[in-house]
Amino acid sequence: MSYSVVWRPPAFLELERMAMGMANAQPLRDAASHVDFTLRRTPHDMGESRAGTERIWYWDILCVFYDIDERAKRVSVLFVGPARRR
């Protein structure tokens, strides 16, 4: 089954802001591409569930907060941020 993935403006703008602050933004772009690719195929299998149909997923250097609309077969990436590593 395939879902469409929509990056909401706040998520897209934050991704761009993060990239501008990096000397080499390629790892961030790679992480975003992987997230997009995976959410098109298996959005329910990634990350942890939150309220309702929302989920949070940490992939490499990126944290993604997204919502799944099963009826429309659409995943909306609502927010992104850096994945905090310790």
N, C-alpha and C. Protein backbone atom coordinates (compact mmCIF):
# COMPACT_ATOMS: atom_id res chain seq x y z
N MET A 1 0.85 -1.17 0.00
CA MET A 1 0.00 0.00 0.00
C MET A 1 0.89 1.23 0.00
N SER A 2 0.49 2.25 -0.70
CA SER A 2 1.29 3.45 -0.81
C SER A 2 0.50 4.66 -0.30
N TYR A 3 1.19 5.50 0.43
CA TYR A 3 0.61 6.73 0.97
C TYR A 3 1.26 7.91 0.28
N SER A 4 0.53 9.01 0.19
CA SER A 4 1.18 10.25 -0.24
C SER A 4 1.74 10.90 1.02
N VAL A 5 2.85 11.61 0.87
CA VAL A 5 3.47 12.29 2.00
C VAL A 5 3.49 13.78 1.71
N VAL A 6 2.94 14.55 2.64
CA VAL A 6 2.88 16.00 2.52
C VAL A 6 3.71 16.59 3.66
N TRP A 7 4.69 17.39 3.29
CA TRP A 7 5.49 18.10 4.29
C TRP A 7 4.82 19.46 4.52
N ARG A 8 4.23 19.65 5.69
CA ARG A 8 3.56 20.90 6.02
C ARG A 8 4.59 22.03 6.08
N PRO A 9 4.17 23.27 5.79
CA PRO A 9 5.12 24.39 5.78
C PRO A 9 6.01 24.51 7.02
N PRO A 10 5.48 24.36 8.25
CA PRO A 10 6.39 24.47 9.40
C PRO A 10 7.51 23.41 9.38
N ALA A 11 7.18 22.20 8.94
CA ALA A 11 8.18 21.14 8.87
C ALA A 11 9.20 21.44 7.79
N PHE A 12 8.73 21.85 6.64
CA PHE A 12 9.63 22.14 5.53
C PHE A 12 10.55 23.32 5.87
N LEU A 13 10.00 24.37 6.46
CA LEU A 13 10.80 25.53 6.82
C LEU A 13 11.85 25.20 7.88
N GLU A 14 11.48 24.38 8.85
CA GLU A 14 12.44 23.98 9.88
C GLU A 14 13.54 23.12 9.29
N LEU A 15 13.20 22.26 8.37
CA LEU A 15 14.21 21.44 7.70
C LEU A 15 15.20 22.33 6.95
N GLU A 16 14.70 23.33 6.27
CA GLU A 16 15.57 24.27 5.56
C GLU A 16 16.42 25.08 6.53
N ARG A 17 15.84 25.50 7.66
CA ARG A 17 16.58 26.25 8.66
C ARG A 17 17.71 25.41 9.23
N MET A 18 17.41 24.14 9.51
CA MET A 18 18.44 23.24 10.02
C MET A 18 19.56 23.06 9.00
N ALA A 19 19.21 22.91 7.74
CA ALA A 19 20.21 22.70 6.69
C ALA A 19 21.12 23.92 6.56
N MET A 20 20.54 25.11 6.67
CA MET A 20 21.34 26.33 6.55
C MET A 20 22.36 26.47 7.67
N GLY A 21 22.07 25.86 8.81
CA GLY A 21 22.98 25.95 9.95
C GLY A 21 24.06 24.89 9.97
N MET A 22 24.09 24.05 8.96
CA MET A 22 25.07 22.96 8.92
C MET A 22 26.15 23.24 7.89
N ALA A 23 27.38 22.87 8.21
CA ALA A 23 28.47 23.00 7.25
C ALA A 23 28.25 22.06 6.07
N ASN A 24 27.75 20.86 6.36
CA ASN A 24 27.44 19.87 5.33
C ASN A 24 26.02 19.37 5.58
N ALA A 25 25.08 19.81 4.79
CA ALA A 25 23.67 19.46 5.00
C ALA A 25 23.28 18.15 4.33
N GLN A 26 24.18 17.49 3.65
CA GLN A 26 23.84 16.25 2.94
C GLN A 26 23.29 15.17 3.87
N PRO A 27 23.87 14.95 5.06
CA PRO A 27 23.28 13.94 5.95
C PRO A 27 21.83 14.26 6.33
N LEU A 28 21.51 15.53 6.47
CA LEU A 28 20.14 15.93 6.78
C LEU A 28 19.23 15.65 5.59
N ARG A 29 19.68 16.00 4.40
CA ARG A 29 18.89 15.72 3.20
C ARG A 29 18.68 14.22 3.01
N ASP A 30 19.72 13.44 3.28
CA ASP A 30 19.60 11.98 3.18
C ASP A 30 18.58 11.45 4.19
N ALA A 31 18.63 11.96 5.41
CA ALA A 31 17.67 11.53 6.44
C ALA A 31 16.25 11.89 6.03
N ALA A 32 16.04 13.10 5.51
CA ALA A 32 14.70 13.53 5.08
C ALA A 32 14.21 12.68 3.92
N SER A 33 15.09 12.32 3.01
CA SER A 33 14.71 11.46 1.88
C SER A 33 14.31 10.07 2.37
N HIS A 34 15.07 9.55 3.33
CA HIS A 34 14.74 8.24 3.88
C HIS A 34 13.38 8.27 4.59
N VAL A 35 13.15 9.33 5.36
CA VAL A 35 11.87 9.49 6.06
C VAL A 35 10.73 9.52 5.05
N ASP A 36 10.86 10.33 4.02
CA ASP A 36 9.83 10.45 2.99
C ASP A 36 9.57 9.09 2.33
N PHE A 37 10.63 8.42 1.94
CA PHE A 37 10.52 7.11 1.29
C PHE A 37 9.80 6.10 2.18
N THR A 38 10.21 6.05 3.44
CA THR A 38 9.65 5.06 4.37
C THR A 38 8.20 5.36 4.73
N LEU A 39 7.88 6.63 4.94
CA LEU A 39 6.50 6.98 5.29
C LEU A 39 5.53 6.70 4.15
N ARG A 40 6.00 6.69 2.94
CA ARG A 40 5.14 6.33 1.81
C ARG A 40 4.74 4.86 1.86
N ARG A 41 5.53 4.05 2.51
CA ARG A 41 5.29 2.61 2.51
C ARG A 41 4.78 2.07 3.83
N THR A 42 5.38 2.46 4.94
CA THR A 42 5.04 1.85 6.23
C THR A 42 4.93 2.87 7.36
N PRO A 43 4.03 3.83 7.26
CA PRO A 43 3.98 4.87 8.30
C PRO A 43 3.57 4.36 9.67
N HIS A 44 2.77 3.29 9.73
CA HIS A 44 2.32 2.76 11.01
C HIS A 44 3.42 2.00 11.74
N ASP A 45 4.44 1.58 11.02
CA ASP A 45 5.50 0.77 11.61
C ASP A 45 6.65 1.58 12.17
N MET A 46 6.64 2.87 11.96
CA MET A 46 7.76 3.70 12.35
C MET A 46 7.45 4.47 13.63
N GLY A 47 8.45 4.64 14.46
CA GLY A 47 8.34 5.49 15.64
C GLY A 47 7.36 5.00 16.69
N GLU A 48 6.84 5.97 17.44
CA GLU A 48 5.94 5.70 18.56
C GLU A 48 4.63 6.45 18.36
N SER A 49 3.54 5.84 18.78
CA SER A 49 2.25 6.50 18.63
C SER A 49 2.09 7.61 19.66
N ARG A 50 1.32 8.59 19.30
CA ARG A 50 0.96 9.70 20.17
C ARG A 50 -0.56 9.83 20.13
N ALA A 51 -1.08 10.95 20.47
CA ALA A 51 -2.53 11.16 20.53
C ALA A 51 -3.16 10.91 19.17
N GLY A 52 -4.26 10.17 19.16
CA GLY A 52 -5.01 9.91 17.93
C GLY A 52 -4.17 9.18 16.89
N THR A 53 -4.00 9.78 15.74
CA THR A 53 -3.27 9.15 14.64
C THR A 53 -1.87 9.74 14.47
N GLU A 54 -1.42 10.51 15.45
CA GLU A 54 -0.11 11.13 15.37
C GLU A 54 0.98 10.18 15.86
N ARG A 55 2.18 10.36 15.28
CA ARG A 55 3.33 9.53 15.65
C ARG A 55 4.59 10.39 15.68
N ILE A 56 5.57 9.93 16.43
CA ILE A 56 6.88 10.58 16.46
C ILE A 56 7.93 9.54 16.12
N TRP A 57 8.89 9.93 15.31
CA TRP A 57 9.89 8.99 14.83
C TRP A 57 11.24 9.68 14.79
N TYR A 58 12.25 9.04 15.35
CA TYR A 58 13.62 9.52 15.29
C TYR A 58 14.36 8.68 14.27
N TRP A 59 14.90 9.35 13.27
CA TRP A 59 15.70 8.65 12.27
C TRP A 59 17.01 9.41 12.11
N ASP A 60 18.10 8.76 12.44
CA ASP A 60 19.43 9.32 12.31
C ASP A 60 19.50 10.67 13.01
N ILE A 61 19.63 11.76 12.30
CA ILE A 61 19.77 13.08 12.91
C ILE A 61 18.47 13.86 12.93
N LEU A 62 17.37 13.22 12.54
CA LEU A 62 16.10 13.93 12.36
C LEU A 62 15.00 13.34 13.25
N CYS A 63 14.24 14.22 13.88
CA CYS A 63 13.05 13.84 14.62
C CYS A 63 11.85 14.31 13.80
N VAL A 64 10.89 13.44 13.58
CA VAL A 64 9.74 13.74 12.73
C VAL A 64 8.44 13.48 13.50
N PHE A 65 7.55 14.46 13.50
CA PHE A 65 6.24 14.32 14.10
C PHE A 65 5.23 14.34 12.96
N TYR A 66 4.45 13.29 12.83
CA TYR A 66 3.56 13.18 11.67
C TYR A 66 2.21 12.61 12.04
N ASP A 67 1.26 12.78 11.12
CA ASP A 67 -0.11 12.32 11.29
C ASP A 67 -0.49 11.46 10.09
N ILE A 68 -1.23 10.39 10.35
CA ILE A 68 -1.65 9.48 9.28
C ILE A 68 -3.15 9.62 9.07
N ASP A 69 -3.54 9.93 7.86
CA ASP A 69 -4.95 9.97 7.47
C ASP A 69 -5.21 8.71 6.65
N GLU A 70 -5.73 7.70 7.31
CA GLU A 70 -5.92 6.40 6.66
C GLU A 70 -6.93 6.47 5.52
N ARG A 71 -7.97 7.24 5.71
CA ARG A 71 -9.01 7.34 4.69
C ARG A 71 -8.45 7.92 3.38
N ALA A 72 -7.63 8.97 3.49
CA ALA A 72 -7.06 9.62 2.30
C ALA A 72 -5.73 8.98 1.88
N LYS A 73 -5.23 8.03 2.68
CA LYS A 73 -3.92 7.41 2.41
C LYS A 73 -2.85 8.50 2.30
N ARG A 74 -2.87 9.40 3.31
CA ARG A 74 -1.94 10.52 3.31
C ARG A 74 -1.24 10.63 4.66
N VAL A 75 0.05 10.89 4.60
CA VAL A 75 0.85 11.16 5.79
C VAL A 75 1.24 12.62 5.74
N SER A 76 0.95 13.34 6.81
CA SER A 76 1.33 14.75 6.90
C SER A 76 2.47 14.88 7.90
N VAL A 77 3.61 15.35 7.41
CA VAL A 77 4.74 15.64 8.31
C VAL A 77 4.45 17.01 8.89
N LEU A 78 4.19 17.05 10.19
CA LEU A 78 3.75 18.27 10.84
C LEU A 78 4.92 19.13 11.33
N PHE A 79 5.89 18.49 11.96
CA PHE A 79 7.04 19.18 12.52
C PHE A 79 8.27 18.31 12.39
N VAL A 80 9.43 18.93 12.28
CA VAL A 80 10.70 18.21 12.34
C VAL A 80 11.64 18.99 13.26
N GLY A 81 12.66 18.30 13.69
CA GLY A 81 13.67 18.94 14.52
C GLY A 81 14.87 18.02 14.59
N PRO A 82 15.92 18.49 15.22
CA PRO A 82 17.10 17.63 15.35
C PRO A 82 16.85 16.52 16.37
N ALA A 83 17.33 15.34 16.05
CA ALA A 83 17.25 14.24 17.01
C ALA A 83 18.38 14.46 18.01
N ARG A 84 18.04 14.56 19.25
CA ARG A 84 19.04 14.80 20.29
C ARG A 84 19.79 13.51 20.59
N ARG A 85 21.08 13.58 20.50
CA ARG A 85 21.90 12.42 20.82
C ARG A 85 22.69 12.71 22.08
N ARG A 86 22.89 11.68 22.88
CA ARG A 86 23.67 11.83 24.12
C ARG A 86 24.93 11.05 24.02
